[in-house]
Amino acid sequence: MLILGLILLVLGLVLDISILWTIGIIVLIVGAVLLLLGSTGRAVGGRRHWY
C-alpha cells in the first residue's frame, strides 16, 4: 500500500490531478498504519499472519 500511495502521489503531482493526490495521501497513511501494526506483532483484520 505504501508503494501504491507513492505512485498515486507522484502521478497526481505530474498530471496535476488533485483527486489522485488526495487518494495517494490516504492510501499512504493507511499503509503506514498497517505497517506499524504488523511490525509490532499485533493481529490486523483478525489474523496474525497473511499468507
PDB file of N, CA and C in Angstrom:
ATOM      1  N   MET A   1       0.816  -1.189   0.000  1.00  0.00           N
ATOM      2  CA  MET A   1       0.000   0.000   0.000  1.00  0.00           C
ATOM      3  C   MET A   1       0.860   1.253   0.000  1.00  0.00           C
ATOM      4  N   LEU A   2       2.010   1.142   0.618  1.00  0.00           N
ATOM      5  CA  LEU A   2       2.889   2.310   0.643  1.00  0.00           C
ATOM      6  C   LEU A   2       3.365   2.675  -0.761  1.00  0.00           C
ATOM      7  N   ILE A   3       3.720   1.658  -1.523  1.00  0.00           N
ATOM      8  CA  ILE A   3       4.199   1.911  -2.883  1.00  0.00           C
ATOM      9  C   ILE A   3       3.079   2.464  -3.752  1.00  0.00           C
ATOM     10  N   LEU A   4       1.877   1.921  -3.604  1.00  0.00           N
ATOM     11  CA  LEU A   4       0.735   2.428  -4.358  1.00  0.00           C
ATOM     12  C   LEU A   4       0.449   3.879  -3.991  1.00  0.00           C
ATOM     13  N   GLY A   5       0.531   4.206  -2.719  1.00  0.00           N
ATOM     14  CA  GLY A   5       0.319   5.587  -2.285  1.00  0.00           C
ATOM     15  C   GLY A   5       1.346   6.530  -2.878  1.00  0.00           C
ATOM     16  N   LEU A   6       2.606   6.094  -2.911  1.00  0.00           N
ATOM     17  CA  LEU A   6       3.646   6.935  -3.506  1.00  0.00           C
ATOM     18  C   LEU A   6       3.438   7.125  -5.005  1.00  0.00           C
ATOM     19  N   ILE A   7       3.032   6.059  -5.678  1.00  0.00           N
ATOM     20  CA  ILE A   7       2.781   6.158  -7.121  1.00  0.00           C
ATOM     21  C   ILE A   7       1.634   7.133  -7.394  1.00  0.00           C
ATOM     22  N   LEU A   8       0.562   7.037  -6.603  1.00  0.00           N
ATOM     23  CA  LEU A   8      -0.561   7.951  -6.794  1.00  0.00           C
ATOM     24  C   LEU A   8      -0.171   9.393  -6.491  1.00  0.00           C
ATOM     25  N   LEU A   9       0.664   9.598  -5.475  1.00  0.00           N
ATOM     26  CA  LEU A   9       1.128  10.954  -5.171  1.00  0.00           C
ATOM     27  C   LEU A   9       1.918  11.545  -6.336  1.00  0.00           C
ATOM     28  N   VAL A  10       2.820  10.754  -6.896  1.00  0.00           N
ATOM     29  CA  VAL A  10       3.642  11.242  -8.000  1.00  0.00           C
ATOM     30  C   VAL A  10       2.784  11.496  -9.232  1.00  0.00           C
ATOM     31  N   LEU A  11       1.872  10.570  -9.540  1.00  0.00           N
ATOM     32  CA  LEU A  11       1.002  10.771 -10.703  1.00  0.00           C
ATOM     33  C   LEU A  11       0.107  11.996 -10.530  1.00  0.00           C
ATOM     34  N   GLY A  12      -0.399  12.187  -9.316  1.00  0.00           N
ATOM     35  CA  GLY A  12      -1.224  13.361  -9.062  1.00  0.00           C
ATOM     36  C   GLY A  12      -0.449  14.649  -9.219  1.00  0.00           C
ATOM     37  N   LEU A  13       0.813  14.633  -8.822  1.00  0.00           N
ATOM     38  CA  LEU A  13       1.651  15.817  -8.955  1.00  0.00           C
ATOM     39  C   LEU A  13       2.017  16.082 -10.410  1.00  0.00           C
ATOM     40  N   VAL A  14       2.411  15.030 -11.132  1.00  0.00           N
ATOM     41  CA  VAL A  14       2.852  15.189 -12.520  1.00  0.00           C
ATOM     42  C   VAL A  14       1.690  15.547 -13.440  1.00  0.00           C
ATOM     43  N   LEU A  15       0.563  14.851 -13.271  1.00  0.00           N
ATOM     44  CA  LEU A  15      -0.586  15.075 -14.147  1.00  0.00           C
ATOM     45  C   LEU A  15      -1.491  16.202 -13.662  1.00  0.00           C
ATOM     46  N   ASP A  16      -1.174  16.764 -12.504  1.00  0.00           N
ATOM     47  CA  ASP A  16      -1.942  17.852 -11.908  1.00  0.00           C
ATOM     48  C   ASP A  16      -3.409  17.474 -11.717  1.00  0.00           C
ATOM     49  N   ILE A  17      -3.617  16.282 -11.138  1.00  0.00           N
ATOM     50  CA  ILE A  17      -4.960  15.790 -10.818  1.00  0.00           C
ATOM     51  C   ILE A  17      -5.054  15.698  -9.304  1.00  0.00           C
ATOM     52  N   SER A  18      -5.841  16.562  -8.715  1.00  0.00           N
ATOM     53  CA  SER A  18      -5.869  16.669  -7.256  1.00  0.00           C
ATOM     54  C   SER A  18      -6.498  15.453  -6.584  1.00  0.00           C
ATOM     55  N   ILE A  19      -7.430  14.760  -7.243  1.00  0.00           N
ATOM     56  CA  ILE A  19      -8.061  13.595  -6.623  1.00  0.00           C
ATOM     57  C   ILE A  19      -7.046  12.464  -6.449  1.00  0.00           C
ATOM     58  N   LEU A  20      -6.110  12.312  -7.398  1.00  0.00           N
ATOM     59  CA  LEU A  20      -5.054  11.307  -7.243  1.00  0.00           C
ATOM     60  C   LEU A  20      -4.148  11.660  -6.083  1.00  0.00           C
ATOM     61  N   TRP A  21      -3.873  12.948  -5.911  1.00  0.00           N
ATOM     62  CA  TRP A  21      -3.044  13.413  -4.804  1.00  0.00           C
ATOM     63  C   TRP A  21      -3.712  13.076  -3.468  1.00  0.00           C
ATOM     64  N   THR A  22      -5.018  13.335  -3.371  1.00  0.00           N
ATOM     65  CA  THR A  22      -5.757  13.073  -2.138  1.00  0.00           C
ATOM     66  C   THR A  22      -5.834  11.582  -1.839  1.00  0.00           C
ATOM     67  N   ILE A  23      -6.155  10.783  -2.842  1.00  0.00           N
ATOM     68  CA  ILE A  23      -6.227   9.330  -2.654  1.00  0.00           C
ATOM     69  C   ILE A  23      -4.851   8.777  -2.298  1.00  0.00           C
ATOM     70  N   GLY A  24      -3.808   9.310  -2.905  1.00  0.00           N
ATOM     71  CA  GLY A  24      -2.453   8.873  -2.600  1.00  0.00           C
ATOM     72  C   GLY A  24      -2.073   9.122  -1.154  1.00  0.00           C
ATOM     73  N   ILE A  25      -2.452  10.276  -0.613  1.00  0.00           N
ATOM     74  CA  ILE A  25      -2.167  10.581   0.790  1.00  0.00           C
ATOM     75  C   ILE A  25      -2.915   9.631   1.706  1.00  0.00           C
ATOM     76  N   ILE A  26      -4.182   9.370   1.409  1.00  0.00           N
ATOM     77  CA  ILE A  26      -4.988   8.473   2.241  1.00  0.00           C
ATOM     78  C   ILE A  26      -4.416   7.057   2.214  1.00  0.00           C
ATOM     79  N   VAL A  27      -4.081   6.556   1.037  1.00  0.00           N
ATOM     80  CA  VAL A  27      -3.535   5.205   0.910  1.00  0.00           C
ATOM     81  C   VAL A  27      -2.179   5.115   1.610  1.00  0.00           C
ATOM     82  N   LEU A  28      -1.383   6.165   1.513  1.00  0.00           N
ATOM     83  CA  LEU A  28      -0.075   6.183   2.170  1.00  0.00           C
ATOM     84  C   LEU A  28      -0.222   6.130   3.688  1.00  0.00           C
ATOM     85  N   ILE A  29      -1.167   6.861   4.245  1.00  0.00           N
ATOM     86  CA  ILE A  29      -1.387   6.858   5.691  1.00  0.00           C
ATOM     87  C   ILE A  29      -1.903   5.501   6.157  1.00  0.00           C
ATOM     88  N   VAL A  30      -2.852   4.929   5.434  1.00  0.00           N
ATOM     89  CA  VAL A  30      -3.391   3.614   5.804  1.00  0.00           C
ATOM     90  C   VAL A  30      -2.295   2.553   5.715  1.00  0.00           C
ATOM     91  N   GLY A  31      -1.475   2.609   4.693  1.00  0.00           N
ATOM     92  CA  GLY A  31      -0.383   1.663   4.555  1.00  0.00           C
ATOM     93  C   GLY A  31       0.631   1.789   5.680  1.00  0.00           C
ATOM     94  N   ALA A  32       0.919   3.013   6.105  1.00  0.00           N
ATOM     95  CA  ALA A  32       1.865   3.215   7.204  1.00  0.00           C
ATOM     96  C   ALA A  32       1.306   2.672   8.513  1.00  0.00           C
ATOM     97  N   VAL A  33       0.009   2.876   8.748  1.00  0.00           N
ATOM     98  CA  VAL A  33      -0.619   2.359   9.973  1.00  0.00           C
ATOM     99  C   VAL A  33      -0.598   0.836   9.975  1.00  0.00           C
ATOM    100  N   LEU A  34      -0.934   0.227   8.857  1.00  0.00           N
ATOM    101  CA  LEU A  34      -0.913  -1.236   8.775  1.00  0.00           C
ATOM    102  C   LEU A  34       0.511  -1.785   8.926  1.00  0.00           C
ATOM    103  N   LEU A  35       1.489  -1.074   8.389  1.00  0.00           N
ATOM    104  CA  LEU A  35       2.874  -1.491   8.546  1.00  0.00           C
ATOM    105  C   LEU A  35       3.297  -1.442  10.015  1.00  0.00           C
ATOM    106  N   LEU A  36       2.921  -0.382  10.703  1.00  0.00           N
ATOM    107  CA  LEU A  36       3.266  -0.275  12.120  1.00  0.00           C
ATOM    108  C   LEU A  36       2.574  -1.338  12.953  1.00  0.00           C
ATOM    109  N   LEU A  37       1.292  -1.578  12.693  1.00  0.00           N
ATOM    110  CA  LEU A  37       0.585  -2.608  13.444  1.00  0.00           C
ATOM    111  C   LEU A  37       1.150  -3.999  13.159  1.00  0.00           C
ATOM    112  N   GLY A  38       1.486  -4.253  11.928  1.00  0.00           N
ATOM    113  CA  GLY A  38       2.033  -5.551  11.564  1.00  0.00           C
ATOM    114  C   GLY A  38       3.423  -5.783  12.133  1.00  0.00           C
ATOM    115  N   SER A  39       4.218  -4.712  12.219  1.00  0.00           N
ATOM    116  CA  SER A  39       5.578  -4.872  12.731  1.00  0.00           C
ATOM    117  C   SER A  39       5.611  -5.075  14.241  1.00  0.00           C
ATOM    118  N   THR A  40       4.566  -4.674  14.945  1.00  0.00           N
ATOM    119  CA  THR A  40       4.517  -4.881  16.393  1.00  0.00           C
ATOM    120  C   THR A  40       4.004  -6.272  16.743  1.00  0.00           C
ATOM    121  N   GLY A  41       3.567  -7.036  15.761  1.00  0.00           N
ATOM    122  CA  GLY A  41       3.066  -8.380  16.016  1.00  0.00           C
ATOM    123  C   GLY A  41       1.595  -8.410  16.362  1.00  0.00           C
ATOM    124  N   ARG A  42       0.927  -7.276  16.265  1.00  0.00           N
ATOM    125  CA  ARG A  42      -0.493  -7.203  16.587  1.00  0.00           C
ATOM    126  C   ARG A  42      -1.306  -7.778  15.432  1.00  0.00           C
ATOM    127  N   ALA A  43      -2.374  -8.483  15.766  1.00  0.00           N
ATOM    128  CA  ALA A  43      -3.238  -9.060  14.731  1.00  0.00           C
ATOM    129  C   ALA A  43      -3.975  -7.942  14.005  1.00  0.00           C
ATOM    130  N   VAL A  44      -3.919  -7.951  12.693  1.00  0.00           N
ATOM    131  CA  VAL A  44      -4.583  -6.937  11.868  1.00  0.00           C
ATOM    132  C   VAL A  44      -5.681  -7.619  11.083  1.00  0.00           C
ATOM    133  N   GLY A  45      -6.896  -7.154  11.220  1.00  0.00           N
ATOM    134  CA  GLY A  45      -8.021  -7.737  10.492  1.00  0.00           C
ATOM    135  C   GLY A  45      -8.389  -9.109  10.980  1.00  0.00           C
ATOM    136  N   GLY A  46      -8.097  -9.423  12.239  1.00  0.00           N
ATOM    137  CA  GLY A  46      -8.459 -10.703  12.789  1.00  0.00           C
ATOM    138  C   GLY A  46      -7.464 -11.816  12.530  1.00  0.00           C
ATOM    139  N   ARG A  47      -6.381 -11.496  11.815  1.00  0.00           N
ATOM    140  CA  ARG A  47      -5.367 -12.513  11.523  1.00  0.00           C
ATOM    141  C   ARG A  47      -3.998 -11.997  11.941  1.00  0.00           C
ATOM    142  N   ARG A  48      -3.212 -12.909  12.445  1.00  0.00           N
ATOM    143  CA  ARG A  48      -1.860 -12.537  12.843  1.00  0.00           C
ATOM    144  C   ARG A  48      -0.901 -12.599  11.650  1.00  0.00           C
ATOM    145  N   HIS A  49      -1.145 -13.527  10.727  1.00  0.00           N
ATOM    146  CA  HIS A  49      -0.282 -13.670   9.552  1.00  0.00           C
ATOM    147  C   HIS A  49      -1.137 -13.705   8.298  1.00  0.00           C
ATOM    148  N   TRP A  50      -0.638 -13.119   7.227  1.00  0.00           N
ATOM    149  CA  TRP A  50      -1.290 -13.181   5.917  1.00  0.00           C
ATOM    150  C   TRP A  50      -0.395 -14.006   5.008  1.00  0.00           C
ATOM    151  N   TYR A  51      -0.976 -15.034   4.402  1.00  0.00           N
ATOM    152  CA  TYR A  51      -0.186 -15.903   3.548  1.00  0.00           C
ATOM    153  C   TYR A  51      -0.518 -15.671   2.112  1.00  0.00           C
TER     154      TYR A  51
END
